[in-house]
């Protein structure tokens, strides 16, 4: 692991209904930068998105997993999503130039602490491990830490390194669960479907059927590609749902207000606001208020080209503002750089052709 590596983690906890438990998990995670908390009552699951350098990620995850182990009882859990534990899946994801090998190293550090401190068995999966979540859930793998058993109330934890992905769900019209499962098989990369698609089908309350997908090659298959493929197959769909956050380069309208880069920039802006408020003085207090407003707007950015280009410009400028105020450090600077460059990558050639001067100025700022 390289000093200065920046990570995202997207732990999935087996609780999506009890608001007080979800709030406790999120509060314990705030040792890292908490980007998003996304509960789902049908799946009875909450996805928490965190960012930061290794120490923040470890501390945030250990806080959140500890609360989950204390507050959630796996034997009494009910939900449509498969799970092996109360802190079910803990992916470690690279941001910026961070490597998957660094993510795997961090995943092992997290797993070792989970077993040592909480005595919950740990499976390692994903990059470099030779096993998948499907292997673990199907019983084709034993825990790497903790023997062959399970914690009586917490089950086990799956920790692993993976690239950025998009979790994307759609409601299917005119499908029962049997037909939806056949469609899920057909949509998967392992079947006859799209590159980088994993898919399951679930029956939800109200006789709804959901196609639930992970898009793990987002440079090849985006939510828009999935919607187009379903239309090509003659499948009528209802509500589209993004779970967690979405990188701007893969965003569709379902990602409005849920852009990963916008949330990273917002977290940096909020951290700058807190530091300005702590310094005190009229100028710093006034700047803190402006930074909080900027954070709110960045967190809610739409997933369209004008908003993405504006997000890149605002995020690049934000770094200079924090530097001038004397409240930026290497970590916040790295977060803003990752967010600005992520936005810039999402600007299409058509948008570049319209806004040549703005793009030139942005590229000069990011050089």
Protein backbone atom coordinates (compact mmCIF):
# COMPACT_ATOMS: atom_id res chain seq x y z
CA UNK A 1 0.00 0.00 0.00
CA UNK A 2 1.31 3.44 -0.94
CA UNK A 3 1.13 6.28 1.55
CA UNK A 4 -1.49 8.67 0.22
CA UNK A 5 -3.66 6.00 -1.40
CA UNK A 6 -7.32 6.97 -1.41
CA UNK A 7 -10.10 4.42 -1.00
CA UNK A 8 -13.84 4.04 -1.09
CA UNK A 9 -15.61 1.35 0.93
CA UNK A 10 -19.24 0.37 0.44
CA UNK A 11 -20.22 -1.90 3.36
CA UNK A 12 -23.62 -3.60 3.16
CA UNK A 13 -25.36 -4.19 6.50
CA UNK A 14 -28.33 -6.50 7.09
CA UNK A 15 -30.68 -3.79 8.38
CA UNK A 16 -32.83 -1.53 6.25
CA UNK A 17 -35.91 -0.94 8.42
CA UNK A 18 -34.99 0.17 11.93
CA UNK A 19 -34.01 3.81 11.55
CA UNK A 20 -32.30 4.02 14.93
CA UNK A 21 -29.99 1.11 14.12
CA UNK A 22 -29.15 2.55 10.70
CA UNK A 23 -28.40 5.92 12.30
CA UNK A 24 -26.12 4.24 14.87
CA UNK A 25 -24.18 2.42 12.16
CA UNK A 26 -23.76 5.61 10.13
CA UNK A 27 -22.68 7.61 13.19
CA UNK A 28 -20.06 4.99 14.07
CA UNK A 29 -18.76 5.09 10.48
CA UNK A 30 -18.08 8.83 10.57
CA UNK A 31 -14.46 8.29 11.53
CA UNK A 32 -14.22 8.06 7.74
CA UNK A 33 -15.87 10.51 5.34
CA UNK A 34 -19.45 9.25 5.07
CA UNK A 35 -20.64 9.96 1.53
CA UNK A 36 -24.05 8.27 1.57
CA UNK A 37 -26.43 6.07 3.58
CA UNK A 38 -28.92 4.19 1.40
CA UNK A 39 -31.41 1.85 3.18
CA UNK A 40 -33.82 -0.50 1.40
CA UNK A 41 -36.77 -1.83 3.39
CA UNK A 42 -37.62 -4.68 0.99
CA UNK A 43 -34.08 -6.05 0.96
CA UNK A 44 -33.77 -5.10 4.66
CA UNK A 45 -30.30 -3.84 3.91
CA UNK A 46 -28.40 -0.57 4.09
CA UNK A 47 -25.44 0.45 1.94
CA UNK A 48 -23.06 2.99 3.49
CA UNK A 49 -20.49 4.70 1.26
CA UNK A 50 -17.22 5.83 2.87
CA UNK A 51 -14.07 7.50 1.56
CA UNK A 52 -10.65 8.42 2.87
CA UNK A 53 -7.15 7.17 3.34
CA UNK A 54 -6.44 3.80 4.91
CA UNK A 55 -6.57 4.81 8.57
CA UNK A 56 -9.91 6.59 8.17
CA UNK A 57 -11.39 3.67 6.26
CA UNK A 58 -10.26 1.12 8.86
CA UNK A 59 -11.54 3.21 11.76
CA UNK A 60 -14.86 3.95 10.05
CA UNK A 61 -15.43 0.32 9.11
CA UNK A 62 -14.51 -1.03 12.52
CA UNK A 63 -16.88 1.43 14.18
CA UNK A 64 -19.75 0.56 11.86
CA UNK A 65 -19.18 -3.22 11.92
CA UNK A 66 -18.97 -3.17 15.73
CA UNK A 67 -22.38 -1.50 15.97
CA UNK A 68 -23.86 -3.96 13.46
CA UNK A 69 -22.56 -6.91 15.48
CA UNK A 70 -24.03 -5.41 18.64
CA UNK A 71 -27.41 -4.28 17.26
CA UNK A 72 -28.41 -6.82 14.55
CA UNK A 73 -29.42 -10.44 15.10
CA UNK A 74 -28.89 -12.51 11.96
CA UNK A 75 -31.14 -15.48 12.92
CA UNK A 76 -34.14 -13.15 13.20
CA UNK A 77 -33.30 -11.14 10.06
CA UNK A 78 -35.82 -11.22 7.23
CA UNK A 79 -35.21 -9.76 3.77
CA UNK A 80 -35.14 -10.80 0.13
CA UNK A 81 -31.39 -10.28 -0.36
CA UNK A 82 -29.00 -13.20 0.32
CA UNK A 83 -26.62 -12.63 3.24
CA UNK A 84 -24.04 -14.42 5.37
CA UNK A 85 -23.71 -11.85 8.14
CA UNK A 86 -24.95 -8.68 9.79
CA UNK A 87 -22.01 -6.80 8.23
CA UNK A 88 -22.52 -8.86 5.13
CA UNK A 89 -20.17 -7.48 2.47
CA UNK A 90 -17.32 -4.99 2.93
CA UNK A 91 -15.82 -4.05 -0.45
CA UNK A 92 -12.66 -1.94 -0.62
CA UNK A 93 -12.55 0.10 -3.84
CA UNK A 94 -9.70 2.15 -5.37
CA UNK A 95 -10.07 5.86 -5.99
CA UNK A 96 -7.79 7.79 -8.30
CA UNK A 97 -4.45 6.04 -8.89
CA UNK A 98 -4.85 3.60 -5.99
CA UNK A 99 -4.29 -0.01 -7.09
CA UNK A 100 -6.44 -3.06 -6.48
CA UNK A 101 -3.44 -4.65 -4.77
CA UNK A 102 -3.48 -1.81 -2.24
CA UNK A 103 -7.20 -2.41 -1.75
CA UNK A 104 -6.57 -6.09 -1.12
CA UNK A 105 -3.92 -5.24 1.47
CA UNK A 106 -6.35 -2.91 3.23
CA UNK A 107 -9.11 -5.54 3.05
CA UNK A 108 -6.85 -7.99 4.86
CA UNK A 109 -6.09 -5.42 7.56
CA UNK A 110 -9.81 -4.86 8.09
CA UNK A 111 -10.57 -8.58 8.14
CA UNK A 112 -7.82 -9.33 10.62
CA UNK A 113 -9.13 -6.67 12.99
CA UNK A 114 -12.72 -7.89 12.65
CA UNK A 115 -11.69 -11.38 13.70
CA UNK A 116 -9.22 -10.27 16.40
CA UNK A 117 -11.51 -7.68 18.03
CA UNK A 118 -15.05 -8.90 17.31
CA UNK A 119 -14.50 -12.66 16.89
CA UNK A 120 -16.64 -12.72 13.75
CA UNK A 121 -15.32 -15.11 11.06
CA UNK A 122 -14.06 -13.47 7.87
CA UNK A 123 -14.14 -14.52 4.22
CA UNK A 124 -11.79 -12.76 1.82
CA UNK A 125 -13.15 -12.49 -1.74
CA UNK A 126 -12.56 -10.62 -4.97
CA UNK A 127 -9.25 -9.41 -6.38
CA UNK A 128 -6.42 -11.84 -5.70
CA UNK A 129 -8.50 -14.27 -3.67
CA UNK A 130 -9.69 -16.86 -6.21
CA UNK A 131 -13.24 -16.87 -4.85
CA UNK A 132 -16.37 -14.82 -5.39
CA UNK A 133 -19.30 -13.80 -3.25
CA UNK A 134 -21.34 -16.39 -5.14
CA UNK A 135 -18.88 -19.08 -4.02
CA UNK A 136 -19.19 -17.97 -0.41
CA UNK A 137 -22.99 -17.71 -0.41
CA UNK A 138 -23.29 -21.12 -2.07
CA UNK A 139 -21.16 -22.73 0.66
CA UNK A 140 -18.25 -23.48 -1.69
CA UNK A 141 -15.69 -21.72 0.55
CA UNK A 142 -14.65 -21.77 4.19
CA UNK A 143 -13.79 -18.64 6.19
CA UNK A 144 -10.19 -17.48 5.92
CA UNK A 145 -10.25 -16.37 9.55
CA UNK A 146 -12.20 -17.94 12.39
CA UNK A 147 -12.47 -21.59 11.46
CA UNK A 148 -15.49 -23.21 9.84
CA UNK A 149 -18.16 -21.91 12.21
CA UNK A 150 -20.19 -18.71 12.37
CA UNK A 151 -20.79 -16.11 15.05
CA UNK A 152 -24.14 -17.09 16.62
CA UNK A 153 -25.81 -13.72 16.01
CA UNK A 154 -23.48 -11.95 13.55
CA UNK A 155 -22.73 -14.72 11.06
CA UNK A 156 -19.61 -13.87 9.05
CA UNK A 157 -18.15 -10.90 7.16
CA UNK A 158 -17.04 -10.92 3.51
CA UNK A 159 -14.20 -8.46 2.90
CA UNK A 160 -12.53 -7.94 -0.45
CA UNK A 161 -11.07 -5.66 -3.09
CA UNK A 162 -12.96 -4.82 -6.25
CA UNK A 163 -13.10 -2.05 -8.88
CA UNK A 164 -15.81 0.58 -8.98
CA UNK A 165 -19.18 -0.83 -9.94
CA UNK A 166 -22.77 0.36 -10.23
CA UNK A 167 -25.60 -1.41 -8.40
CA UNK A 168 -28.69 -0.91 -10.52
CA UNK A 169 -32.21 -2.32 -10.09
CA UNK A 170 -35.34 -2.15 -12.24
CA UNK A 171 -38.93 -3.25 -11.66
CA UNK A 172 -40.19 -5.65 -14.34
CA UNK A 173 -43.71 -5.47 -15.71
CA UNK A 174 -45.50 -8.65 -16.76
CA UNK A 175 -42.94 -11.03 -15.24
CA UNK A 176 -43.36 -13.61 -12.52
CA UNK A 177 -40.35 -14.74 -10.48
CA UNK A 178 -39.62 -17.77 -12.69
CA UNK A 179 -39.53 -15.67 -15.86
CA UNK A 180 -37.52 -12.95 -14.10
CA UNK A 181 -34.89 -15.47 -13.04
CA UNK A 182 -34.60 -16.65 -16.63
CA UNK A 183 -34.17 -13.03 -17.74
CA UNK A 184 -31.50 -12.49 -15.06
CA UNK A 185 -29.56 -15.48 -16.38
CA UNK A 186 -29.84 -14.14 -19.92
CA UNK A 187 -28.62 -10.67 -18.91
CA UNK A 188 -25.50 -11.93 -17.13
CA UNK A 189 -22.07 -11.82 -18.71
CA UNK A 190 -21.80 -15.51 -17.83
CA UNK A 191 -24.89 -16.16 -19.97
CA UNK A 192 -25.71 -14.51 -23.27
CA UNK A 193 -26.01 -11.01 -21.92
CA UNK A 194 -23.98 -7.85 -21.56
CA UNK A 195 -20.33 -7.56 -20.59
CA UNK A 196 -19.79 -6.90 -16.91
CA UNK A 197 -23.30 -7.71 -15.69
CA UNK A 198 -24.23 -9.83 -12.69
CA UNK A 199 -27.97 -10.22 -12.17
CA UNK A 200 -30.49 -11.71 -9.73
CA UNK A 201 -34.28 -11.57 -9.59
CA UNK A 202 -36.29 -10.90 -6.43
CA UNK A 203 -39.97 -10.91 -5.58
CA UNK A 204 -40.86 -7.79 -3.61
CA UNK A 205 -44.00 -6.98 -1.59
CA UNK A 206 -47.01 -5.95 -3.64
CA UNK A 207 -46.40 -8.67 -6.24
CA UNK A 208 -43.55 -6.69 -7.77
CA UNK A 209 -40.59 -8.42 -9.38
CA UNK A 210 -37.18 -6.75 -9.42
CA UNK A 211 -34.16 -7.34 -11.61
CA UNK A 212 -31.14 -6.52 -9.43
CA UNK A 213 -27.78 -6.03 -11.14
CA UNK A 214 -24.16 -5.22 -10.44
CA UNK A 215 -22.45 -3.57 -13.41
CA UNK A 216 -18.79 -4.31 -12.76
CA UNK A 217 -17.29 -3.11 -16.06
CA UNK A 218 -18.75 0.36 -16.12
CA UNK A 219 -16.59 1.49 -19.03
CA UNK A 220 -18.29 -1.20 -21.14
CA UNK A 221 -21.82 -1.42 -19.70
CA UNK A 222 -23.72 1.40 -17.97
CA UNK A 223 -27.29 1.60 -16.67
CA UNK A 224 -28.29 3.22 -19.96
CA UNK A 225 -26.89 0.20 -21.82
CA UNK A 226 -28.92 -2.12 -19.59
CA UNK A 227 -32.13 -0.18 -20.20
CA UNK A 228 -31.47 -0.25 -23.95
CA UNK A 229 -30.83 -3.99 -23.90
CA UNK A 230 -34.03 -4.65 -21.97
CA UNK A 231 -35.94 -2.56 -24.51
CA UNK A 232 -34.31 -4.54 -27.33
CA UNK A 233 -35.54 -7.74 -25.68
CA UNK A 234 -39.05 -6.29 -25.44
CA UNK A 235 -38.99 -6.09 -21.63
CA UNK A 236 -41.24 -3.43 -20.08
CA UNK A 237 -39.68 -1.87 -16.99
CA UNK A 238 -40.92 0.40 -14.22
CA UNK A 239 -38.94 2.28 -11.60
CA UNK A 240 -35.16 2.38 -11.94
CA UNK A 241 -33.13 2.36 -8.72
CA UNK A 242 -29.48 3.13 -8.14
CA UNK A 243 -28.11 1.57 -4.94
CA UNK A 244 -25.39 3.65 -3.33
CA UNK A 245 -23.48 6.06 -5.57
CA UNK A 246 -22.56 6.14 -9.26
CA UNK A 247 -19.37 7.38 -10.96
CA UNK A 248 -20.27 10.28 -13.24
CA UNK A 249 -18.94 8.54 -16.35
CA UNK A 250 -21.57 5.79 -15.97
CA UNK A 251 -24.46 7.96 -14.79
CA UNK A 252 -28.01 7.90 -16.12
CA UNK A 253 -30.95 10.03 -14.89
CA UNK A 254 -31.40 7.49 -12.07
CA UNK A 255 -28.14 8.87 -10.62
CA UNK A 256 -29.44 12.43 -10.15
CA UNK A 257 -28.16 13.55 -6.74
CA UNK A 258 -26.16 10.34 -6.34
CA UNK A 259 -22.93 11.08 -8.23
CA UNK A 260 -19.86 9.65 -6.49
CA UNK A 261 -17.68 12.60 -7.45
CA UNK A 262 -20.26 15.09 -6.19
CA UNK A 263 -20.40 13.36 -2.81
CA UNK A 264 -16.61 13.19 -2.52
CA UNK A 265 -16.33 16.91 -3.29
CA UNK A 266 -19.15 17.65 -0.85
CA UNK A 267 -17.38 15.72 1.91
CA UNK A 268 -14.19 17.73 1.31
CA UNK A 269 -16.16 20.98 1.32
CA UNK A 270 -17.86 20.06 4.61
CA UNK A 271 -14.53 19.16 6.17
CA UNK A 272 -13.16 22.53 5.04
CA UNK A 273 -16.20 24.25 6.56
CA UNK A 274 -15.62 22.56 9.90
CA UNK A 275 -11.98 23.61 9.92
CA UNK A 276 -12.89 27.19 9.03
CA UNK A 277 -15.46 27.30 11.83
CA UNK A 278 -12.87 25.97 14.30
CA UNK A 279 -10.41 28.70 13.31
CA UNK A 280 -13.00 31.37 13.97
CA UNK A 281 -12.83 34.97 12.91
CA UNK A 282 -15.28 36.78 10.69
CA UNK A 283 -13.79 35.71 7.34
CA UNK A 284 -13.41 32.04 8.25
CA UNK A 285 -16.90 31.83 9.75
CA UNK A 286 -18.41 33.41 6.64
CA UNK A 287 -16.42 31.03 4.42
CA UNK A 288 -17.63 28.07 6.50
CA UNK A 289 -21.23 28.99 5.71
CA UNK A 290 -20.46 29.26 1.99
CA UNK A 291 -18.64 25.92 2.02
CA UNK A 292 -21.63 24.22 3.66
CA UNK A 293 -23.92 25.58 0.93
CA UNK A 294 -21.48 24.44 -1.73
CA UNK A 295 -21.35 20.98 -0.17
CA UNK A 296 -25.13 20.71 -0.25
CA UNK A 297 -25.26 21.69 -3.93
CA UNK A 298 -22.42 19.38 -4.95
CA UNK A 299 -24.07 16.46 -3.16
CA UNK A 300 -27.29 17.01 -5.15
CA UNK A 301 -25.82 17.49 -8.63
CA UNK A 302 -27.89 16.16 -11.50
CA UNK A 303 -26.50 13.49 -13.80
CA UNK A 304 -26.49 15.60 -16.96
CA UNK A 305 -23.60 17.01 -18.97
CA UNK A 306 -24.01 20.65 -17.92
CA UNK A 307 -24.03 19.65 -14.24
CA UNK A 308 -21.05 17.31 -14.68
CA UNK A 309 -18.94 19.98 -16.39
CA UNK A 310 -19.97 22.52 -13.78
CA UNK A 311 -19.12 20.02 -11.06
CA UNK A 312 -15.62 19.58 -12.47
CA UNK A 313 -15.07 23.36 -12.55
CA UNK A 314 -16.47 23.93 -9.07
CA UNK A 315 -14.49 21.08 -7.55
CA UNK A 316 -11.23 22.26 -9.12
CA UNK A 317 -11.89 25.78 -7.81
CA UNK A 318 -12.78 24.47 -4.36
CA UNK A 319 -9.27 23.14 -3.85
CA UNK A 320 -7.84 26.62 -4.36
CA UNK A 321 -10.37 28.16 -1.99
CA UNK A 322 -9.48 25.71 0.79
CA UNK A 323 -5.78 26.26 0.15
CA UNK A 324 -6.17 30.03 0.36
CA UNK A 325 -8.06 29.61 3.64
CA UNK A 326 -5.27 27.46 5.03
CA UNK A 327 -7.56 24.51 5.76
CA UNK A 328 -6.62 22.01 3.06
CA UNK A 329 -4.35 19.03 3.70
CA UNK A 330 -3.05 16.27 1.45
CA UNK A 331 -6.10 14.06 2.03
CA UNK A 332 -8.67 16.74 1.19
CA UNK A 333 -6.58 17.82 -1.76
CA UNK A 334 -6.47 14.25 -3.05
CA UNK A 335 -10.23 13.87 -2.66
CA UNK A 336 -10.91 17.04 -4.61
CA UNK A 337 -8.45 16.01 -7.32
CA UNK A 338 -10.10 12.59 -7.68
CA UNK A 339 -13.56 14.18 -7.84
CA UNK A 340 -12.59 16.86 -10.38
CA UNK A 341 -10.84 14.34 -12.64
CA UNK A 342 -13.75 11.92 -12.35
CA UNK A 343 -16.13 14.63 -13.48
CA UNK A 344 -13.79 15.59 -16.31
CA UNK A 345 -13.64 12.00 -17.55
CA UNK A 346 -17.43 11.99 -17.76
CA UNK A 347 -17.58 15.00 -20.12
CA UNK A 348 -18.49 13.69 -23.57
CA UNK A 349 -16.83 14.75 -26.85
CA UNK A 350 -20.10 16.44 -27.85
CA UNK A 351 -20.01 18.59 -24.71
CA UNK A 352 -16.33 19.36 -25.29
CA UNK A 353 -17.18 20.62 -28.77
CA UNK A 354 -19.80 23.01 -27.36
CA UNK A 355 -17.69 24.36 -24.48
CA UNK A 356 -14.19 24.46 -25.93
CA UNK A 357 -12.98 27.46 -23.93
CA UNK A 358 -14.34 26.16 -20.62
CA UNK A 359 -12.80 22.75 -21.23
CA UNK A 360 -9.42 24.29 -22.10
CA UNK A 361 -9.46 26.34 -18.89
CA UNK A 362 -10.48 23.30 -16.84
CA UNK A 363 -7.76 21.13 -18.33
CA UNK A 364 -5.16 23.82 -17.62
CA UNK A 365 -6.33 23.94 -13.99
CA UNK A 366 -6.13 20.14 -13.66
CA UNK A 367 -2.74 19.81 -15.37
